């Protein structure tokens, strides 16, 4: 059994953020309509037009994102 002190709030794993932080970011981006799915059965998200504007305002270079891996 994992002790509470061993649980990490965030986990960087290759090209994504996992853990509680990753979950919260995902939920927030969905709620704000910054990301969405073409189909509810699809596991991949795309960045919406609104998301492109907001992420760009934050200084993120979206050209660095691999579109096939969202």
PDB file of N, CA and C in Angstrom:
ATOM      1  N   UNK A   1       0.840  -1.172   0.000  1.00  0.00           N
ATOM      2  CA  UNK A   1       0.000   0.000   0.000  1.00  0.00           C
ATOM      3  C   UNK A   1       0.892   1.244   0.000  1.00  0.00           C
ATOM      4  N   UNK A   2       0.503   2.267  -0.779  1.00  0.00           N
ATOM      5  CA  UNK A   2       1.264   3.506  -0.875  1.00  0.00           C
ATOM      6  C   UNK A   2       0.928   4.421   0.295  1.00  0.00           C
ATOM      7  N   UNK A   3       1.945   4.904   0.959  1.00  0.00           N
ATOM      8  CA  UNK A   3       1.730   5.846   2.057  1.00  0.00           C
ATOM      9  C   UNK A   3       1.345   7.206   1.486  1.00  0.00           C
ATOM     10  N   UNK A   4       0.523   7.939   2.214  1.00  0.00           N
ATOM     11  CA  UNK A   4       0.069   9.254   1.772  1.00  0.00           C
ATOM     12  C   UNK A   4       1.251  10.157   1.414  1.00  0.00           C
ATOM     13  N   UNK A   5       2.306  10.122   2.200  1.00  0.00           N
ATOM     14  CA  UNK A   5       3.463  10.986   1.941  1.00  0.00           C
ATOM     15  C   UNK A   5       4.156  10.645   0.627  1.00  0.00           C
ATOM     16  N   UNK A   6       3.922   9.436   0.092  1.00  0.00           N
ATOM     17  CA  UNK A   6       4.548   9.019  -1.156  1.00  0.00           C
ATOM     18  C   UNK A   6       3.767   9.455  -2.395  1.00  0.00           C
ATOM     19  N   UNK A   7       2.548   9.939  -2.222  1.00  0.00           N
ATOM     20  CA  UNK A   7       1.731  10.346  -3.362  1.00  0.00           C
ATOM     21  C   UNK A   7       2.204  11.704  -3.855  1.00  0.00           C
ATOM     22  N   UNK A   8       2.457  11.785  -5.140  1.00  0.00           N
ATOM     23  CA  UNK A   8       2.944  13.019  -5.746  1.00  0.00           C
ATOM     24  C   UNK A   8       1.778  13.776  -6.383  1.00  0.00           C
ATOM     25  N   UNK A   9       1.723  15.112  -6.212  1.00  0.00           N
ATOM     26  CA  UNK A   9       0.641  15.895  -6.808  1.00  0.00           C
ATOM     27  C   UNK A   9       0.774  16.019  -8.319  1.00  0.00           C
ATOM     28  N   UNK A  10       1.966  15.824  -8.855  1.00  0.00           N
ATOM     29  CA  UNK A  10       2.184  15.898 -10.299  1.00  0.00           C
ATOM     30  C   UNK A  10       3.275  14.913 -10.674  1.00  0.00           C
ATOM     31  N   UNK A  11       3.211  14.446 -11.901  1.00  0.00           N
ATOM     32  CA  UNK A  11       4.203  13.504 -12.387  1.00  0.00           C
ATOM     33  C   UNK A  11       4.478  13.827 -13.847  1.00  0.00           C
ATOM     34  N   UNK A  12       5.724  14.086 -14.183  1.00  0.00           N
ATOM     35  CA  UNK A  12       6.097  14.331 -15.562  1.00  0.00           C
ATOM     36  C   UNK A  12       6.478  12.996 -16.177  1.00  0.00           C
ATOM     37  N   UNK A  13       5.826  12.655 -17.253  1.00  0.00           N
ATOM     38  CA  UNK A  13       6.050  11.362 -17.882  1.00  0.00           C
ATOM     39  C   UNK A  13       6.198  11.573 -19.386  1.00  0.00           C
ATOM     40  N   UNK A  14       7.400  11.559 -19.878  1.00  0.00           N
ATOM     41  CA  UNK A  14       7.702  11.776 -21.291  1.00  0.00           C
ATOM     42  C   UNK A  14       7.093  13.084 -21.778  1.00  0.00           C
ATOM     43  N   UNK A  15       5.961  13.019 -22.481  1.00  0.00           N
ATOM     44  CA  UNK A  15       5.387  14.210 -23.116  1.00  0.00           C
ATOM     45  C   UNK A  15       4.096  14.686 -22.463  1.00  0.00           C
ATOM     46  N   UNK A  16       3.839  14.284 -21.233  1.00  0.00           N
ATOM     47  CA  UNK A  16       2.603  14.744 -20.583  1.00  0.00           C
ATOM     48  C   UNK A  16       2.812  14.920 -19.079  1.00  0.00           C
ATOM     49  N   UNK A  17       1.845  15.590 -18.470  1.00  0.00           N
ATOM     50  CA  UNK A  17       1.834  15.764 -17.016  1.00  0.00           C
ATOM     51  C   UNK A  17       0.760  14.844 -16.465  1.00  0.00           C
ATOM     52  N   UNK A  18       1.126  13.999 -15.535  1.00  0.00           N
ATOM     53  CA  UNK A  18       0.168  13.090 -14.922  1.00  0.00           C
ATOM     54  C   UNK A  18      -0.148  13.518 -13.500  1.00  0.00           C
ATOM     55  N   UNK A  19      -0.744  12.631 -12.769  1.00  0.00           N
ATOM     56  CA  UNK A  19      -1.071  12.903 -11.373  1.00  0.00           C
ATOM     57  C   UNK A  19      -2.232  13.860 -11.225  1.00  0.00           C
ATOM     58  N   UNK A  20      -2.408  14.347 -10.016  1.00  0.00           N
ATOM     59  CA  UNK A  20      -3.523  15.242  -9.706  1.00  0.00           C
ATOM     60  C   UNK A  20      -3.439  16.534 -10.518  1.00  0.00           C
ATOM     61  N   UNK A  21      -2.245  17.081 -10.680  1.00  0.00           N
ATOM     62  CA  UNK A  21      -2.085  18.304 -11.464  1.00  0.00           C
ATOM     63  C   UNK A  21      -2.544  18.083 -12.904  1.00  0.00           C
ATOM     64  N   UNK A  22      -2.149  16.974 -13.488  1.00  0.00           N
ATOM     65  CA  UNK A  22      -2.577  16.664 -14.852  1.00  0.00           C
ATOM     66  C   UNK A  22      -4.085  16.561 -14.970  1.00  0.00           C
ATOM     67  N   UNK A  23      -4.708  15.905 -13.995  1.00  0.00           N
ATOM     68  CA  UNK A  23      -6.176  15.786 -13.982  1.00  0.00           C
ATOM     69  C   UNK A  23      -6.839  17.152 -13.890  1.00  0.00           C
ATOM     70  N   UNK A  24      -6.336  17.997 -12.991  1.00  0.00           N
ATOM     71  CA  UNK A  24      -6.920  19.328 -12.806  1.00  0.00           C
ATOM     72  C   UNK A  24      -6.748  20.202 -14.044  1.00  0.00           C
ATOM     73  N   UNK A  25      -5.584  20.127 -14.677  1.00  0.00           N
ATOM     74  CA  UNK A  25      -5.377  20.890 -15.908  1.00  0.00           C
ATOM     75  C   UNK A  25      -6.336  20.423 -16.997  1.00  0.00           C
ATOM     76  N   UNK A  26      -6.462  19.114 -17.164  1.00  0.00           N
ATOM     77  CA  UNK A  26      -7.364  18.564 -18.175  1.00  0.00           C
ATOM     78  C   UNK A  26      -8.794  19.034 -17.940  1.00  0.00           C
ATOM     79  N   UNK A  27      -9.271  18.890 -16.715  1.00  0.00           N
ATOM     80  CA  UNK A  27     -10.644  19.306 -16.387  1.00  0.00           C
ATOM     81  C   UNK A  27     -10.846  20.800 -16.627  1.00  0.00           C
ATOM     82  N   UNK A  28      -9.860  21.600 -16.234  1.00  0.00           N
ATOM     83  CA  UNK A  28      -9.961  23.053 -16.412  1.00  0.00           C
ATOM     84  C   UNK A  28      -9.990  23.424 -17.889  1.00  0.00           C
ATOM     85  N   UNK A  29      -9.113  22.825 -18.681  1.00  0.00           N
ATOM     86  CA  UNK A  29      -9.073  23.134 -20.113  1.00  0.00           C
ATOM     87  C   UNK A  29     -10.365  22.711 -20.806  1.00  0.00           C
ATOM     88  N   UNK A  30     -10.952  21.598 -20.386  1.00  0.00           N
ATOM     89  CA  UNK A  30     -12.236  21.158 -20.946  1.00  0.00           C
ATOM     90  C   UNK A  30     -13.335  22.130 -20.536  1.00  0.00           C
ATOM     91  N   UNK A  31     -13.397  22.471 -19.256  1.00  0.00           N
ATOM     92  CA  UNK A  31     -14.429  23.394 -18.755  1.00  0.00           C
ATOM     93  C   UNK A  31     -14.363  24.755 -19.443  1.00  0.00           C
ATOM     94  N   UNK A  32     -13.155  25.231 -19.708  1.00  0.00           N
ATOM     95  CA  UNK A  32     -12.979  26.533 -20.356  1.00  0.00           C
ATOM     96  C   UNK A  32     -13.146  26.436 -21.874  1.00  0.00           C
ATOM     97  N   UNK A  33     -13.332  25.202 -22.368  1.00  0.00           N
ATOM     98  CA  UNK A  33     -13.482  24.929 -23.802  1.00  0.00           C
ATOM     99  C   UNK A  33     -12.211  25.287 -24.589  1.00  0.00           C
ATOM    100  N   UNK A  34     -11.070  25.076 -23.953  1.00  0.00           N
ATOM    101  CA  UNK A  34      -9.793  25.289 -24.615  1.00  0.00           C
ATOM    102  C   UNK A  34      -9.376  24.040 -25.377  1.00  0.00           C
ATOM    103  N   UNK A  35      -9.878  22.872 -24.939  1.00  0.00           N
ATOM    104  CA  UNK A  35      -9.652  21.612 -25.644  1.00  0.00           C
ATOM    105  C   UNK A  35     -10.982  20.881 -25.742  1.00  0.00           C
ATOM    106  N   UNK A  36     -11.080  19.992 -26.718  1.00  0.00           N
ATOM    107  CA  UNK A  36     -12.313  19.226 -26.915  1.00  0.00           C
ATOM    108  C   UNK A  36     -11.976  17.946 -27.676  1.00  0.00           C
ATOM    109  N   UNK A  37     -12.975  17.096 -27.801  1.00  0.00           N
ATOM    110  CA  UNK A  37     -12.854  15.869 -28.586  1.00  0.00           C
ATOM    111  C   UNK A  37     -13.792  15.966 -29.783  1.00  0.00           C
ATOM    112  N   UNK A  38     -13.379  15.373 -30.905  1.00  0.00           N
ATOM    113  CA  UNK A  38     -14.264  15.281 -32.071  1.00  0.00           C
ATOM    114  C   UNK A  38     -15.389  14.303 -31.792  1.00  0.00           C
ATOM    115  N   UNK A  39     -15.072  13.285 -31.001  1.00  0.00           N
ATOM    116  CA  UNK A  39     -15.993  12.191 -30.730  1.00  0.00           C
ATOM    117  C   UNK A  39     -15.770  11.767 -29.277  1.00  0.00           C
ATOM    118  N   UNK A  40     -16.827  11.624 -28.487  1.00  0.00           N
ATOM    119  CA  UNK A  40     -16.654  11.241 -27.074  1.00  0.00           C
ATOM    120  C   UNK A  40     -15.900   9.923 -26.879  1.00  0.00           C
ATOM    121  N   UNK A  41     -15.951   9.044 -27.869  1.00  0.00           N
ATOM    122  CA  UNK A  41     -15.261   7.752 -27.755  1.00  0.00           C
ATOM    123  C   UNK A  41     -13.761   7.878 -28.041  1.00  0.00           C
ATOM    124  N   UNK A  42     -13.352   8.987 -28.654  1.00  0.00           N
ATOM    125  CA  UNK A  42     -11.956   9.214 -28.990  1.00  0.00           C
ATOM    126  C   UNK A  42     -11.191   9.594 -27.725  1.00  0.00           C
ATOM    127  N   UNK A  43     -10.003   9.054 -27.543  1.00  0.00           N
ATOM    128  CA  UNK A  43      -9.215   9.395 -26.352  1.00  0.00           C
ATOM    129  C   UNK A  43      -8.368  10.654 -26.557  1.00  0.00           C
ATOM    130  N   UNK A  44      -8.304  11.134 -27.785  1.00  0.00           N
ATOM    131  CA  UNK A  44      -7.476  12.297 -28.096  1.00  0.00           C
ATOM    132  C   UNK A  44      -8.291  13.582 -28.104  1.00  0.00           C
ATOM    133  N   UNK A  45      -7.650  14.658 -27.690  1.00  0.00           N
ATOM    134  CA  UNK A  45      -8.253  15.991 -27.673  1.00  0.00           C
ATOM    135  C   UNK A  45      -7.614  16.843 -28.756  1.00  0.00           C
ATOM    136  N   UNK A  46      -8.306  17.903 -29.138  1.00  0.00           N
ATOM    137  CA  UNK A  46      -7.712  18.906 -30.008  1.00  0.00           C
ATOM    138  C   UNK A  46      -7.832  20.260 -29.312  1.00  0.00           C
ATOM    139  N   UNK A  47      -6.970  21.175 -29.690  1.00  0.00           N
ATOM    140  CA  UNK A  47      -7.025  22.523 -29.133  1.00  0.00           C
ATOM    141  C   UNK A  47      -8.029  23.311 -29.955  1.00  0.00           C
ATOM    142  N   UNK A  48      -9.005  23.875 -29.282  1.00  0.00           N
ATOM    143  CA  UNK A  48     -10.042  24.649 -29.957  1.00  0.00           C
ATOM    144  C   UNK A  48      -9.484  26.012 -30.382  1.00  0.00           C
ATOM    145  N   UNK A  49     -10.261  26.731 -31.176  1.00  0.00           N
ATOM    146  CA  UNK A  49      -9.856  28.076 -31.583  1.00  0.00           C
ATOM    147  C   UNK A  49      -9.682  28.969 -30.344  1.00  0.00           C
ATOM    148  N   UNK A  50     -10.620  28.845 -29.403  1.00  0.00           N
ATOM    149  CA  UNK A  50     -10.525  29.607 -28.152  1.00  0.00           C
ATOM    150  C   UNK A  50      -9.254  29.221 -27.394  1.00  0.00           C
ATOM    151  N   UNK A  51      -8.974  27.917 -27.339  1.00  0.00           N
ATOM    152  CA  UNK A  51      -7.775  27.444 -26.669  1.00  0.00           C
ATOM    153  C   UNK A  51      -6.506  27.973 -27.318  1.00  0.00           C
ATOM    154  N   UNK A  52      -6.488  28.009 -28.652  1.00  0.00           N
ATOM    155  CA  UNK A  52      -5.319  28.541 -29.359  1.00  0.00           C
ATOM    156  C   UNK A  52      -5.067  29.987 -28.951  1.00  0.00           C
ATOM    157  N   UNK A  53      -6.125  30.775 -28.869  1.00  0.00           N
ATOM    158  CA  UNK A  53      -5.978  32.184 -28.470  1.00  0.00           C
ATOM    159  C   UNK A  53      -5.471  32.293 -27.032  1.00  0.00           C
ATOM    160  N   UNK A  54      -6.088  31.522 -26.132  1.00  0.00           N
ATOM    161  CA  UNK A  54      -5.730  31.621 -24.708  1.00  0.00           C
ATOM    162  C   UNK A  54      -4.324  31.100 -24.431  1.00  0.00           C
ATOM    163  N   UNK A  55      -3.958  29.964 -25.028  1.00  0.00           N
ATOM    164  CA  UNK A  55      -2.615  29.426 -24.814  1.00  0.00           C
ATOM    165  C   UNK A  55      -1.564  30.375 -25.391  1.00  0.00           C
ATOM    166  N   UNK A  56      -1.866  30.986 -26.532  1.00  0.00           N
ATOM    167  CA  UNK A  56      -0.942  31.943 -27.139  1.00  0.00           C
ATOM    168  C   UNK A  56      -0.775  33.164 -26.244  1.00  0.00           C
ATOM    169  N   UNK A  57      -1.872  33.644 -25.635  1.00  0.00           N
ATOM    170  CA  UNK A  57      -1.792  34.774 -24.694  1.00  0.00           C
ATOM    171  C   UNK A  57      -0.865  34.442 -23.529  1.00  0.00           C
ATOM    172  N   UNK A  58      -0.838  33.162 -23.141  1.00  0.00           N
ATOM    173  CA  UNK A  58       0.001  32.720 -22.021  1.00  0.00           C
ATOM    174  C   UNK A  58       1.461  32.565 -22.439  1.00  0.00           C
ATOM    175  N   UNK A  59       1.730  32.735 -23.732  1.00  0.00           N
ATOM    176  CA  UNK A  59       3.101  32.642 -24.218  1.00  0.00           C
ATOM    177  C   UNK A  59       3.511  31.259 -24.680  1.00  0.00           C
ATOM    178  N   UNK A  60       2.561  30.352 -24.828  1.00  0.00           N
ATOM    179  CA  UNK A  60       2.890  29.002 -25.279  1.00  0.00           C
ATOM    180  C   UNK A  60       3.076  28.977 -26.788  1.00  0.00           C
ATOM    181  N   UNK A  61       4.108  28.294 -27.247  1.00  0.00           N
ATOM    182  CA  UNK A  61       4.374  28.137 -28.674  1.00  0.00           C
ATOM    183  C   UNK A  61       3.675  26.863 -29.140  1.00  0.00           C
ATOM    184  N   UNK A  62       2.486  27.017 -29.697  1.00  0.00           N
ATOM    185  CA  UNK A  62       1.688  25.855 -30.094  1.00  0.00           C
ATOM    186  C   UNK A  62       2.281  25.115 -31.282  1.00  0.00           C
ATOM    187  N   UNK A  63       3.205  25.734 -31.998  1.00  0.00           N
ATOM    188  CA  UNK A  63       3.826  25.051 -33.137  1.00  0.00           C
ATOM    189  C   UNK A  63       4.687  23.874 -32.668  1.00  0.00           C
ATOM    190  N   UNK A  64       5.030  23.851 -31.390  1.00  0.00           N
ATOM    191  CA  UNK A  64       5.854  22.772 -30.837  1.00  0.00           C
ATOM    192  C   UNK A  64       5.041  21.536 -30.456  1.00  0.00           C
ATOM    193  N   UNK A  65       3.721  21.636 -30.528  1.00  0.00           N
ATOM    194  CA  UNK A  65       2.858  20.519 -30.137  1.00  0.00           C
ATOM    195  C   UNK A  65       2.675  19.577 -31.316  1.00  0.00           C
ATOM    196  N   UNK A  66       2.844  18.307 -31.059  1.00  0.00           N
ATOM    197  CA  UNK A  66       2.624  17.286 -32.081  1.00  0.00           C
ATOM    198  C   UNK A  66       1.132  17.014 -32.150  1.00  0.00           C
ATOM    199  N   UNK A  67       0.489  17.474 -33.204  1.00  0.00           N
ATOM    200  CA  UNK A  67      -0.967  17.401 -33.311  1.00  0.00           C
ATOM    201  C   UNK A  67      -1.514  15.981 -33.210  1.00  0.00           C
ATOM    202  N   UNK A  68      -0.780  15.013 -33.702  1.00  0.00           N
ATOM    203  CA  UNK A  68      -1.287  13.641 -33.654  1.00  0.00           C
ATOM    204  C   UNK A  68      -1.276  13.050 -32.251  1.00  0.00           C
ATOM    205  N   UNK A  69      -0.652  13.717 -31.285  1.00  0.00           N
ATOM    206  CA  UNK A  69      -0.521  13.151 -29.945  1.00  0.00           C
ATOM    207  C   UNK A  69      -1.367  13.855 -28.900  1.00  0.00           C
ATOM    208  N   UNK A  70      -2.253  14.752 -29.302  1.00  0.00           N
ATOM    209  CA  UNK A  70      -3.070  15.463 -28.320  1.00  0.00           C
ATOM    210  C   UNK A  70      -4.087  14.550 -27.712  1.00  0.00           C
TER     211      UNK A  70
END
